């Protein structure tokens, strides 16, 4: 194969691998938001027996901002600021959290993360409120009084601390109001929506007031990089294509002025 072709293939592989390694959704991505909300509500509406007043869950920008800030740390442990609620959200009285991590980055999928949390149901005993193994992710997902969620996913090129050294991802979802109150069940079993104060849809109680969307001109004071979330995308969309174009031009120029360099044996 000629040197020109080799150079072009090499340049394309570098560009392509860079794009694939960071093609993760931002917290403003509509498809990502819809999937996070939909998967949570599917899990909540399908608890059995049904819950009497399981609230319909909607997105909250502030919770997503907090989830992104903590995910950026690339550490597999819960947010240390959750007990000081004003440092994780400007208005809610309590905030809960679920975390999922895996590698390689291409393994990330909202459904996959949600399945890992919801599958913990088999470890939870409703009558005794006891977990035989880890089940707190599940109980938070189906906590009846929780009605807002905000999620974020972060690329971790150097691995996730407390998990693995390989390049991976951290997926964080924050919730309000928080679930997992000691001694309480996540929901009361009974006829679906029998305790609703508003409308009922798929065994979930809906309220226009609770589902309203708010914008927050706010970031946590502990966010290490509030202005750099798009830096990787700038590299991909500007720097890498420019380098690839330069490679093409250089290869063509060398081939034009020094044609004998590109000979086959």
Protein backbone atom coordinates (compact mmCIF):
# COMPACT_ATOMS: atom_id res chain seq x y z
CA UNK A 1 0.00 0.00 0.00
CA UNK A 2 1.32 3.47 -0.86
CA UNK A 3 2.51 5.86 1.83
CA UNK A 4 -0.22 8.37 0.97
CA UNK A 5 -2.96 5.81 1.59
CA UNK A 6 -1.31 4.72 4.82
CA UNK A 7 -1.12 8.31 6.04
CA UNK A 8 -4.76 8.96 5.22
CA UNK A 9 -5.92 5.78 6.91
CA UNK A 10 -3.87 6.60 9.98
CA UNK A 11 -5.28 10.12 10.16
CA UNK A 12 -8.83 8.86 9.77
CA UNK A 13 -8.41 6.26 12.53
CA UNK A 14 -7.09 8.93 14.90
CA UNK A 15 -9.99 11.24 14.16
CA UNK A 16 -12.60 8.48 14.30
CA UNK A 17 -11.35 7.04 17.60
CA UNK A 18 -11.35 10.50 19.14
CA UNK A 19 -14.95 11.11 18.12
CA UNK A 20 -16.17 7.74 19.34
CA UNK A 21 -14.36 8.01 22.67
CA UNK A 22 -16.26 11.13 23.75
CA UNK A 23 -19.58 10.85 21.94
CA UNK A 24 -21.54 11.11 25.18
CA UNK A 25 -24.64 13.29 25.64
CA UNK A 26 -24.63 16.62 27.44
CA UNK A 27 -27.23 17.45 30.10
CA UNK A 28 -29.03 19.64 27.55
CA UNK A 29 -29.43 16.80 25.02
CA UNK A 30 -33.18 16.38 24.51
CA UNK A 31 -32.96 12.70 23.59
CA UNK A 32 -30.85 11.97 26.67
CA UNK A 33 -33.27 13.85 28.92
CA UNK A 34 -36.30 12.09 27.47
CA UNK A 35 -34.71 8.66 27.87
CA UNK A 36 -33.66 9.26 31.48
CA UNK A 37 -37.15 10.46 32.43
CA UNK A 38 -38.95 7.76 30.47
CA UNK A 39 -36.91 4.89 31.92
CA UNK A 40 -37.45 6.14 35.45
CA UNK A 41 -41.21 6.45 34.96
CA UNK A 42 -41.42 3.02 33.34
CA UNK A 43 -39.83 1.52 36.44
CA UNK A 44 -42.07 3.52 38.76
CA UNK A 45 -45.32 2.67 36.97
CA UNK A 46 -44.53 -1.04 36.87
CA UNK A 47 -44.03 -1.71 40.59
CA UNK A 48 -46.25 -4.52 41.72
CA UNK A 49 -48.62 -4.50 43.36
CA UNK A 50 -49.24 -0.89 42.23
CA UNK A 51 -48.51 2.10 44.46
CA UNK A 52 -51.28 4.32 45.81
CA UNK A 53 -49.54 7.64 45.15
CA UNK A 54 -46.41 7.18 43.05
CA UNK A 55 -45.57 10.59 41.57
CA UNK A 56 -44.76 11.05 37.88
CA UNK A 57 -41.12 12.10 37.51
CA UNK A 58 -39.86 15.00 35.37
CA UNK A 59 -36.48 16.58 34.60
CA UNK A 60 -34.83 19.25 36.74
CA UNK A 61 -32.01 21.35 35.32
CA UNK A 62 -30.50 22.09 38.73
CA UNK A 63 -30.23 18.41 39.63
CA UNK A 64 -28.57 17.72 36.25
CA UNK A 65 -26.04 20.49 36.90
CA UNK A 66 -25.15 18.90 40.24
CA UNK A 67 -24.95 15.43 38.66
CA UNK A 68 -22.57 16.77 36.01
CA UNK A 69 -20.39 18.52 38.57
CA UNK A 70 -19.96 15.36 40.63
CA UNK A 71 -19.53 13.08 37.60
CA UNK A 72 -16.63 15.25 36.44
CA UNK A 73 -14.62 14.00 39.42
CA UNK A 74 -14.58 10.51 37.91
CA UNK A 75 -14.89 8.80 41.27
CA UNK A 76 -17.14 5.87 42.15
CA UNK A 77 -18.57 7.16 45.39
CA UNK A 78 -21.50 9.32 46.46
CA UNK A 79 -21.39 13.10 46.49
CA UNK A 80 -19.90 14.21 49.79
CA UNK A 81 -21.96 17.44 49.73
CA UNK A 82 -25.41 15.80 49.74
CA UNK A 83 -25.94 16.43 53.46
CA UNK A 84 -25.48 20.17 52.93
CA UNK A 85 -28.43 20.53 50.57
CA UNK A 86 -27.82 24.19 49.65
CA UNK A 87 -24.54 23.10 48.09
CA UNK A 88 -26.27 20.64 45.75
CA UNK A 89 -29.46 22.51 44.84
CA UNK A 90 -30.73 26.08 45.29
CA UNK A 91 -34.34 25.23 46.23
CA UNK A 92 -35.02 21.60 47.22
CA UNK A 93 -34.97 20.52 50.85
CA UNK A 94 -33.22 17.21 50.13
CA UNK A 95 -31.43 15.54 47.22
CA UNK A 96 -30.79 11.84 46.56
CA UNK A 97 -28.34 10.18 44.21
CA UNK A 98 -27.62 7.05 42.15
CA UNK A 99 -24.28 6.29 40.48
CA UNK A 100 -23.33 3.80 37.75
CA UNK A 101 -19.96 3.28 36.11
CA UNK A 102 -18.47 1.01 33.46
CA UNK A 103 -15.83 0.72 30.76
CA UNK A 104 -15.12 1.12 27.90
CA UNK A 105 -17.03 4.39 27.19
CA UNK A 106 -18.89 2.70 24.32
CA UNK A 107 -20.62 0.50 26.92
CA UNK A 108 -22.65 3.43 28.24
CA UNK A 109 -26.39 3.15 27.80
CA UNK A 110 -29.15 4.69 29.92
CA UNK A 111 -31.16 1.48 29.74
CA UNK A 112 -28.16 -0.59 30.87
CA UNK A 113 -27.54 1.67 33.86
CA UNK A 114 -31.22 1.73 34.80
CA UNK A 115 -31.46 -2.06 34.55
CA UNK A 116 -28.59 -2.44 37.02
CA UNK A 117 -30.47 -0.25 39.52
CA UNK A 118 -33.95 -1.69 39.00
CA UNK A 119 -32.66 -5.28 39.12
CA UNK A 120 -31.79 -4.67 42.77
CA UNK A 121 -35.48 -5.20 43.46
CA UNK A 122 -34.77 -8.89 44.09
CA UNK A 123 -32.63 -7.88 47.07
CA UNK A 124 -35.34 -5.76 48.72
CA UNK A 125 -37.94 -7.15 51.14
CA UNK A 126 -40.95 -4.84 51.14
CA UNK A 127 -42.47 -6.12 54.38
CA UNK A 128 -39.34 -5.78 56.51
CA UNK A 129 -37.83 -2.88 54.49
CA UNK A 130 -34.53 -4.81 54.61
CA UNK A 131 -31.98 -5.18 51.80
CA UNK A 132 -30.30 -8.60 51.60
CA UNK A 133 -27.72 -7.03 49.26
CA UNK A 134 -27.34 -3.56 47.75
CA UNK A 135 -30.80 -2.25 46.83
CA UNK A 136 -30.71 1.47 47.59
CA UNK A 137 -30.50 2.40 43.91
CA UNK A 138 -33.78 0.57 43.27
CA UNK A 139 -35.61 2.08 46.22
CA UNK A 140 -34.54 5.58 45.17
CA UNK A 141 -35.80 5.02 41.62
CA UNK A 142 -39.24 3.96 42.93
CA UNK A 143 -39.47 6.30 45.93
CA UNK A 144 -43.05 7.54 45.64
CA UNK A 145 -42.56 11.15 46.80
CA UNK A 146 -39.56 11.77 44.53
CA UNK A 147 -40.76 13.70 41.48
CA UNK A 148 -37.66 15.31 39.92
CA UNK A 149 -34.54 13.82 38.37
CA UNK A 150 -31.45 15.20 36.69
CA UNK A 151 -28.68 13.03 35.22
CA UNK A 152 -25.26 13.42 33.61
CA UNK A 153 -22.66 11.14 32.05
CA UNK A 154 -18.94 11.88 32.07
CA UNK A 155 -16.01 10.48 30.10
CA UNK A 156 -13.10 9.45 32.37
CA UNK A 157 -9.98 9.01 30.18
CA UNK A 158 -7.80 8.00 33.16
CA UNK A 159 -10.33 5.61 34.60
CA UNK A 160 -12.82 5.88 37.45
CA UNK A 161 -11.32 6.09 40.92
CA UNK A 162 -12.41 3.23 43.21
CA UNK A 163 -13.53 1.22 40.18
CA UNK A 164 -11.04 0.70 37.32
CA UNK A 165 -8.00 2.34 35.74
CA UNK A 166 -9.24 1.82 32.16
CA UNK A 167 -10.94 4.66 30.29
CA UNK A 168 -14.59 4.59 31.32
CA UNK A 169 -17.70 6.58 32.16
CA UNK A 170 -19.59 7.72 35.24
CA UNK A 171 -23.37 8.13 35.09
CA UNK A 172 -24.96 10.10 37.92
CA UNK A 173 -28.63 10.81 38.61
CA UNK A 174 -29.77 13.17 41.34
CA UNK A 175 -33.30 13.17 42.77
CA UNK A 176 -35.64 15.48 44.67
CA UNK A 177 -36.97 15.15 47.10
CA UNK A 178 -34.58 12.46 48.30
CA UNK A 179 -35.69 8.91 48.96
CA UNK A 180 -34.26 6.16 51.14
CA UNK A 181 -35.46 7.51 54.47
CA UNK A 182 -34.56 4.99 57.18
CA UNK A 183 -37.47 2.84 58.36
CA UNK A 184 -39.82 3.92 55.58
CA UNK A 185 -41.02 1.96 52.57
CA UNK A 186 -40.48 3.51 49.14
CA UNK A 187 -44.23 3.48 48.45
CA UNK A 188 -47.54 2.27 49.84
CA UNK A 189 -49.09 -0.66 48.04
CA UNK A 190 -52.72 -0.44 47.00
CA UNK A 191 -54.96 0.40 44.05
CA UNK A 192 -52.92 2.38 41.54
CA UNK A 193 -53.30 6.17 41.92
CA UNK A 194 -55.90 5.72 44.69
CA UNK A 195 -54.10 8.38 46.72
CA UNK A 196 -53.54 10.83 43.85
CA UNK A 197 -54.44 14.49 44.32
CA UNK A 198 -54.19 15.14 40.58
CA UNK A 199 -54.49 13.14 37.38
CA UNK A 200 -53.49 9.49 36.96
CA UNK A 201 -51.45 8.11 34.06
CA UNK A 202 -49.96 4.60 33.94
CA UNK A 203 -50.37 4.24 37.71
CA UNK A 204 -48.50 7.51 38.29
CA UNK A 205 -49.91 10.68 39.86
CA UNK A 206 -49.43 13.76 37.70
CA UNK A 207 -49.45 17.38 38.81
CA UNK A 208 -48.98 20.40 36.55
CA UNK A 209 -47.38 22.34 39.41
CA UNK A 210 -44.81 19.65 40.21
CA UNK A 211 -44.03 19.04 36.55
CA UNK A 212 -43.27 22.71 35.81
CA UNK A 213 -39.75 23.39 34.53
CA UNK A 214 -37.40 25.94 36.10
CA UNK A 215 -34.14 27.45 34.89
CA UNK A 216 -31.25 27.90 37.30
CA UNK A 217 -28.51 30.49 36.94
CA UNK A 218 -26.48 28.47 39.39
CA UNK A 219 -23.59 26.05 39.72
CA UNK A 220 -22.31 24.29 42.86
CA UNK A 221 -19.47 26.13 44.58
CA UNK A 222 -17.45 22.90 44.54
CA UNK A 223 -17.71 22.35 40.76
CA UNK A 224 -14.08 22.05 39.67
CA UNK A 225 -14.69 22.91 36.00
CA UNK A 226 -17.93 24.85 35.47
CA UNK A 227 -16.84 26.34 32.14
CA UNK A 228 -15.01 23.46 30.45
CA UNK A 229 -17.69 20.87 29.79
CA UNK A 230 -17.49 21.43 26.04
CA UNK A 231 -13.70 21.47 25.72
CA UNK A 232 -13.48 17.91 24.42
CA UNK A 233 -16.09 18.66 21.80
CA UNK A 234 -14.18 21.75 20.65
CA UNK A 235 -11.13 19.53 20.20
CA UNK A 236 -13.14 17.07 18.16
CA UNK A 237 -15.11 19.52 16.04
CA UNK A 238 -12.30 22.01 15.34
CA UNK A 239 -8.78 20.83 16.13
CA UNK A 240 -8.99 17.23 14.92
CA UNK A 241 -10.69 17.99 11.57
CA UNK A 242 -8.16 20.77 10.97
CA UNK A 243 -5.30 18.36 11.65
CA UNK A 244 -6.85 15.81 9.32
CA UNK A 245 -7.22 18.40 6.54
CA UNK A 246 -3.58 19.45 7.04
CA UNK A 247 -2.54 15.80 6.70
CA UNK A 248 -4.42 15.51 3.40
CA UNK A 249 -2.84 18.70 2.03
CA UNK A 250 0.65 17.68 3.13
CA UNK A 251 0.32 14.22 1.62
CA UNK A 252 -0.92 15.67 -1.67
CA UNK A 253 1.87 18.26 -1.82
CA UNK A 254 4.60 15.72 -1.15
CA UNK A 255 3.11 13.39 -3.75
CA UNK A 256 2.94 16.24 -6.29
CA UNK A 257 6.50 17.52 -5.83
CA UNK A 258 8.16 14.21 -4.98
CA UNK A 259 6.22 11.53 -6.86
CA UNK A 260 9.00 8.96 -6.60
CA UNK A 261 8.59 8.80 -2.82
CA UNK A 262 5.30 6.98 -3.28
CA UNK A 263 6.34 3.91 -5.16
CA UNK A 264 5.27 0.32 -4.81
CA UNK A 265 7.77 -2.47 -4.50
